[in-house]
Protein backbone atom coordinates (compact mmCIF):
# COMPACT_ATOMS: atom_id res chain seq x y z
CA UNK A 1 28.56 -18.52 13.57
CA UNK A 2 31.92 -16.80 12.98
CA UNK A 3 32.47 -13.04 12.61
CA UNK A 4 34.43 -11.81 9.60
CA UNK A 5 37.29 -9.29 9.73
CA UNK A 6 34.74 -6.48 10.10
CA UNK A 7 32.96 -8.25 12.95
CA UNK A 8 29.96 -9.05 10.74
CA UNK A 9 27.96 -12.26 11.24
CA UNK A 10 29.02 -15.14 8.95
CA UNK A 11 27.88 -18.76 8.88
CA UNK A 12 29.73 -21.82 7.61
CA UNK A 13 27.61 -23.81 5.15
CA UNK A 14 29.32 -26.97 6.41
CA UNK A 15 28.19 -26.22 9.95
CA UNK A 16 24.64 -25.49 8.76
CA UNK A 17 24.62 -28.79 6.86
CA UNK A 18 24.91 -30.69 10.13
CA UNK A 19 22.51 -28.41 12.02
CA UNK A 20 19.87 -28.79 9.30
CA UNK A 21 19.96 -32.58 9.26
CA UNK A 22 21.76 -33.22 5.95
CA UNK A 23 24.10 -36.22 5.90
CA UNK A 24 25.51 -35.57 2.43
CA UNK A 25 27.22 -32.31 1.44
CA UNK A 26 26.18 -32.78 -2.20
CA UNK A 27 22.48 -32.56 -1.33
CA UNK A 28 22.99 -29.58 0.95
CA UNK A 29 25.12 -27.77 -1.64
CA UNK A 30 22.17 -28.08 -4.06
CA UNK A 31 20.09 -26.09 -1.56
CA UNK A 32 22.88 -23.50 -1.24
CA UNK A 33 22.99 -23.15 -5.03
CA UNK A 34 19.21 -22.72 -5.28
CA UNK A 35 19.37 -20.05 -2.57
CA UNK A 36 22.20 -18.27 -4.38
CA UNK A 37 20.23 -18.25 -7.64
CA UNK A 38 17.19 -16.83 -5.85
CA UNK A 39 19.24 -13.94 -4.45
CA UNK A 40 20.77 -13.32 -7.91
CA UNK A 41 17.25 -13.14 -9.37
CA UNK A 42 16.46 -10.32 -6.95
CA UNK A 43 18.01 -6.85 -6.86
CA UNK A 44 20.90 -8.12 -4.69
CA UNK A 45 24.29 -9.60 -5.60
CA UNK A 46 24.68 -13.15 -4.28
CA UNK A 47 28.45 -12.64 -4.00
CA UNK A 48 27.80 -10.35 -1.04
CA UNK A 49 26.04 -13.17 0.81
CA UNK A 50 27.64 -16.42 -0.48
CA UNK A 51 31.44 -16.26 -0.31
CA UNK A 52 33.45 -19.31 -1.39
CA UNK A 53 35.68 -20.71 1.35
CA UNK A 54 37.59 -23.80 2.50
CA UNK A 55 37.19 -25.67 5.78
CA UNK A 56 39.47 -28.21 7.47
CA UNK A 57 37.49 -31.19 8.75
CA UNK A 58 38.25 -34.51 10.38
CA UNK A 59 38.27 -37.46 7.96
CA UNK A 60 39.91 -38.47 4.72
CA UNK A 61 43.11 -40.42 4.14
CA UNK A 62 45.26 -38.44 6.57
CA UNK A 63 42.67 -37.91 9.29
CA UNK A 64 42.07 -34.26 8.33
CA UNK A 65 41.13 -32.79 4.97
CA UNK A 66 40.38 -29.41 3.43
CA UNK A 67 36.92 -29.28 1.84
CA UNK A 68 34.79 -26.77 -0.04
CA UNK A 69 32.67 -24.44 2.07
CA UNK A 70 30.74 -21.17 1.88
CA UNK A 71 30.70 -18.22 4.26
CA UNK A 72 27.10 -17.00 4.42
CA UNK A 73 25.62 -13.80 5.74
CA UNK A 74 22.54 -14.11 7.93
CA UNK A 75 20.49 -13.17 4.87
CA UNK A 76 22.21 -15.84 2.79
CA UNK A 77 21.75 -18.45 5.51
CA UNK A 78 18.03 -17.65 5.73
CA UNK A 79 17.65 -18.17 1.99
CA UNK A 80 19.36 -21.54 2.34
CA UNK A 81 16.72 -22.56 4.90
CA UNK A 82 14.02 -21.55 2.38
CA UNK A 83 15.65 -23.62 -0.37
CA UNK A 84 16.28 -26.65 1.86
CA UNK A 85 13.97 -29.61 2.47
CA UNK A 86 11.13 -28.13 4.53
CA UNK A 87 10.06 -31.60 5.64
CA UNK A 88 13.08 -31.83 7.92
CA UNK A 89 12.32 -30.55 11.44
CA UNK A 90 15.88 -29.20 11.65
CA UNK A 91 15.23 -27.06 8.56
CA UNK A 92 11.97 -25.71 10.03
CA UNK A 93 13.80 -24.81 13.26
CA UNK A 94 16.61 -23.07 11.33
CA UNK A 95 14.09 -21.16 9.23
CA UNK A 96 12.38 -19.85 12.38
CA UNK A 97 15.74 -18.96 13.93
CA UNK A 98 16.93 -16.83 11.01
CA UNK A 99 13.52 -15.18 10.61
CA UNK A 100 13.67 -14.15 14.28
CA UNK A 101 17.27 -12.92 13.93
CA UNK A 102 16.26 -10.81 10.94
CA UNK A 103 13.55 -9.15 12.99
CA UNK A 104 15.92 -8.55 15.91
CA UNK A 105 18.47 -6.95 13.59
CA UNK A 106 15.78 -4.72 12.11
CA UNK A 107 14.74 -3.54 15.57
CA UNK A 108 18.35 -3.01 16.64
CA UNK A 109 19.06 -0.92 13.53
CA UNK A 110 16.19 1.38 14.44
CA UNK A 111 17.51 2.03 17.96
CA UNK A 112 19.44 5.22 18.72
CA UNK A 113 23.27 4.93 18.73
CA UNK A 114 25.44 6.07 21.64
CA UNK A 115 26.27 9.77 21.52
CA UNK A 116 29.58 10.45 19.73
CA UNK A 117 32.29 12.38 21.58
CA UNK A 118 33.31 14.79 18.81
CA UNK A 119 32.29 16.03 15.38
CA UNK A 120 34.52 13.66 13.39
CA UNK A 121 33.24 10.67 15.34
CA UNK A 122 29.68 11.88 14.76
CA UNK A 123 30.23 11.92 10.98
CA UNK A 124 31.75 8.44 11.00
CA UNK A 125 28.91 7.11 13.17
CA UNK A 126 26.26 8.68 10.95
CA UNK A 127 27.82 7.33 7.74
CA UNK A 128 28.13 3.85 9.24
CA UNK A 129 24.53 3.86 10.41
CA UNK A 130 23.22 5.08 7.05
CA UNK A 131 25.11 2.33 5.22
CA UNK A 132 23.93 -0.35 7.64
CA UNK A 133 20.31 0.77 7.42
CA UNK A 134 20.39 0.91 3.61
CA UNK A 135 21.79 -2.63 3.42
CA UNK A 136 19.29 -3.90 6.00
CA UNK A 137 16.36 -2.23 4.26
CA UNK A 138 17.35 -3.75 0.90
CA UNK A 139 17.64 -7.21 2.47
CA UNK A 140 14.35 -7.02 4.32
CA UNK A 141 12.46 -5.69 1.28
CA UNK A 142 13.37 -8.93 -0.48
CA UNK A 143 13.12 -11.13 2.61
CA UNK A 144 9.79 -9.92 4.04
CA UNK A 145 7.46 -11.22 1.31
CA UNK A 146 9.24 -14.59 1.37
CA UNK A 147 9.03 -15.20 5.10
CA UNK A 148 5.73 -17.03 5.04
CA UNK A 149 3.81 -15.76 2.02
CA UNK A 150 4.38 -18.86 -0.11
CA UNK A 151 5.86 -21.29 2.42
CA UNK A 152 2.84 -23.57 2.71
CA UNK A 153 2.65 -24.01 -1.08
CA UNK A 154 6.33 -24.82 -1.66
CA UNK A 155 7.65 -28.30 -2.30
CA UNK A 156 10.96 -29.57 -0.92
CA UNK A 157 12.82 -27.74 -3.73
CA UNK A 158 11.29 -24.41 -2.74
CA UNK A 159 9.09 -24.37 -5.86
CA UNK A 160 5.33 -23.90 -6.32
CA UNK A 161 3.23 -26.06 -8.64
CA UNK A 162 1.18 -24.37 -11.35
CA UNK A 163 -1.93 -26.24 -10.20
CA UNK A 164 -1.55 -24.73 -6.72
CA UNK A 165 -1.30 -21.23 -8.19
CA UNK A 166 -4.31 -21.84 -10.45
CA UNK A 167 -6.30 -23.02 -7.42
CA UNK A 168 -5.41 -19.80 -5.59
CA UNK A 169 -6.63 -17.81 -8.59
CA UNK A 170 -9.78 -19.95 -8.73
CA UNK A 171 -9.29 -20.94 -12.36
CA UNK A 172 -8.38 -24.17 -14.23
CA UNK A 173 -4.65 -24.60 -14.72
CA UNK A 174 -5.06 -24.87 -18.52
CA UNK A 175 -6.96 -21.58 -18.58
CA UNK A 176 -4.26 -19.95 -16.47
CA UNK A 177 -1.40 -21.11 -18.70
CA UNK A 178 -3.33 -20.03 -21.83
CA UNK A 179 -3.70 -16.60 -20.23
CA UNK A 180 0.05 -16.58 -19.49
CA UNK A 181 0.64 -17.28 -23.19
CA UNK A 182 -1.45 -14.20 -24.00
CA UNK A 183 0.75 -12.29 -21.51
CA UNK A 184 3.89 -13.53 -23.34
CA UNK A 185 5.09 -15.24 -20.18
CA UNK A 186 4.40 -18.77 -21.46
CA UNK A 187 4.39 -20.21 -24.98
CA UNK A 188 3.03 -23.31 -26.68
CA UNK A 189 5.76 -25.83 -27.40
CA UNK A 190 6.49 -29.48 -28.05
CA UNK A 191 8.45 -30.92 -25.15
CA UNK A 192 11.56 -33.02 -25.72
CA UNK A 193 9.39 -36.02 -24.92
CA UNK A 194 6.97 -35.21 -27.76
CA UNK A 195 3.96 -33.80 -25.91
CA UNK A 196 2.30 -30.41 -26.58
CA UNK A 197 2.59 -28.20 -23.51
CA UNK A 198 2.25 -24.62 -22.34
CA UNK A 199 5.62 -23.78 -20.82
CA UNK A 200 7.36 -20.61 -19.56
CA UNK A 201 9.43 -18.68 -22.06
CA UNK A 202 13.18 -19.12 -21.74
CA UNK A 203 13.74 -15.52 -20.60
CA UNK A 204 11.48 -16.11 -17.59
CA UNK A 205 13.35 -19.31 -16.80
CA UNK A 206 16.72 -17.52 -17.02
CA UNK A 207 15.47 -14.74 -14.76
CA UNK A 208 14.58 -17.24 -12.05
CA UNK A 209 10.78 -16.89 -12.28
CA UNK A 210 10.16 -20.49 -13.38
CA UNK A 211 11.91 -23.87 -13.36
CA UNK A 212 11.34 -26.87 -15.63
CA UNK A 213 11.75 -30.29 -14.04
CA UNK A 214 11.60 -33.73 -15.63
CA UNK A 215 9.29 -36.11 -13.79
CA UNK A 216 8.04 -39.64 -14.38
CA UNK A 217 4.99 -41.71 -13.52
CA UNK A 218 7.02 -44.91 -13.78
CA UNK A 219 6.23 -45.47 -17.45
CA UNK A 220 6.86 -42.20 -19.24
CA UNK A 221 8.86 -39.06 -18.50
CA UNK A 222 7.50 -35.56 -18.96
CA UNK A 223 8.41 -31.93 -18.28
CA UNK A 224 6.64 -29.99 -15.54
CA UNK A 225 6.75 -26.23 -15.00
CA UNK A 226 7.11 -24.83 -11.49
CA UNK A 227 7.10 -21.23 -10.28
CA UNK A 228 9.64 -19.77 -7.88
CA UNK A 229 8.41 -17.25 -5.32
CA UNK A 230 9.28 -14.51 -7.85
CA UNK A 231 7.25 -16.33 -10.49
CA UNK A 232 4.24 -16.63 -8.19
CA UNK A 233 4.49 -12.89 -7.45
CA UNK A 234 4.69 -12.18 -11.19
CA UNK A 235 1.54 -14.19 -11.95
CA UNK A 236 -0.48 -12.57 -9.16
CA UNK A 237 0.76 -9.07 -10.02
CA UNK A 238 -0.22 -9.57 -13.69
CA UNK A 239 -3.60 -10.96 -12.72
CA UNK A 240 -4.33 -8.11 -10.32
CA UNK A 241 -3.23 -5.59 -12.95
CA UNK A 242 -5.67 -7.12 -15.42
CA UNK A 243 -8.51 -7.01 -12.90
CA UNK A 244 -7.80 -3.34 -12.18
CA UNK A 245 -7.69 -2.41 -15.89
């Protein structure tokens, strides 16, 4: 962890790659990109939490080389742990670490500051504290529902299968996707492999609620819809709204 010019906590993605048990940067960068997209799909700007950077490392033709890196906030680093391969024990340990640090920061923000010595200092201290608490509240509003709510249902890509969601709603998956068609979240379509499927509308894919992946059983390839954590929340919120109507 390295502080930035304001003394704020920043993490090198290259350092986290090693700590989280990834041998190849390409695979770890995929997790960073998924995390960045998740933050963009929320009310936050990923550029505040994923800053492009360069890092000098040992290796290469001349013994040292400059490589691509990211400077991550604690919030950004936590999202990377959520998007990483949860089967790795190093990832599970990192996820717990950043969840604990988030809670510590929340408690620290609620503690009383030292008494200022004059009126001008008091105004500066108050403004700083208000800004910090607003930023922390915004982060934790997005972070809190993710820190465990869907973890046990996620695959290694941080996605949730539609069958798992249907099971939680106690309904067949076909019935659920037909209902999502009625809700204008899904639509009937012919996949690029020729099969008729109920799939999420493009606008809900672009917004980060659903992802389409191509899978194979060894003989044929086919498209499969997965929900992100935002997509799972959307389905449950719609279903609860229907039950209350």
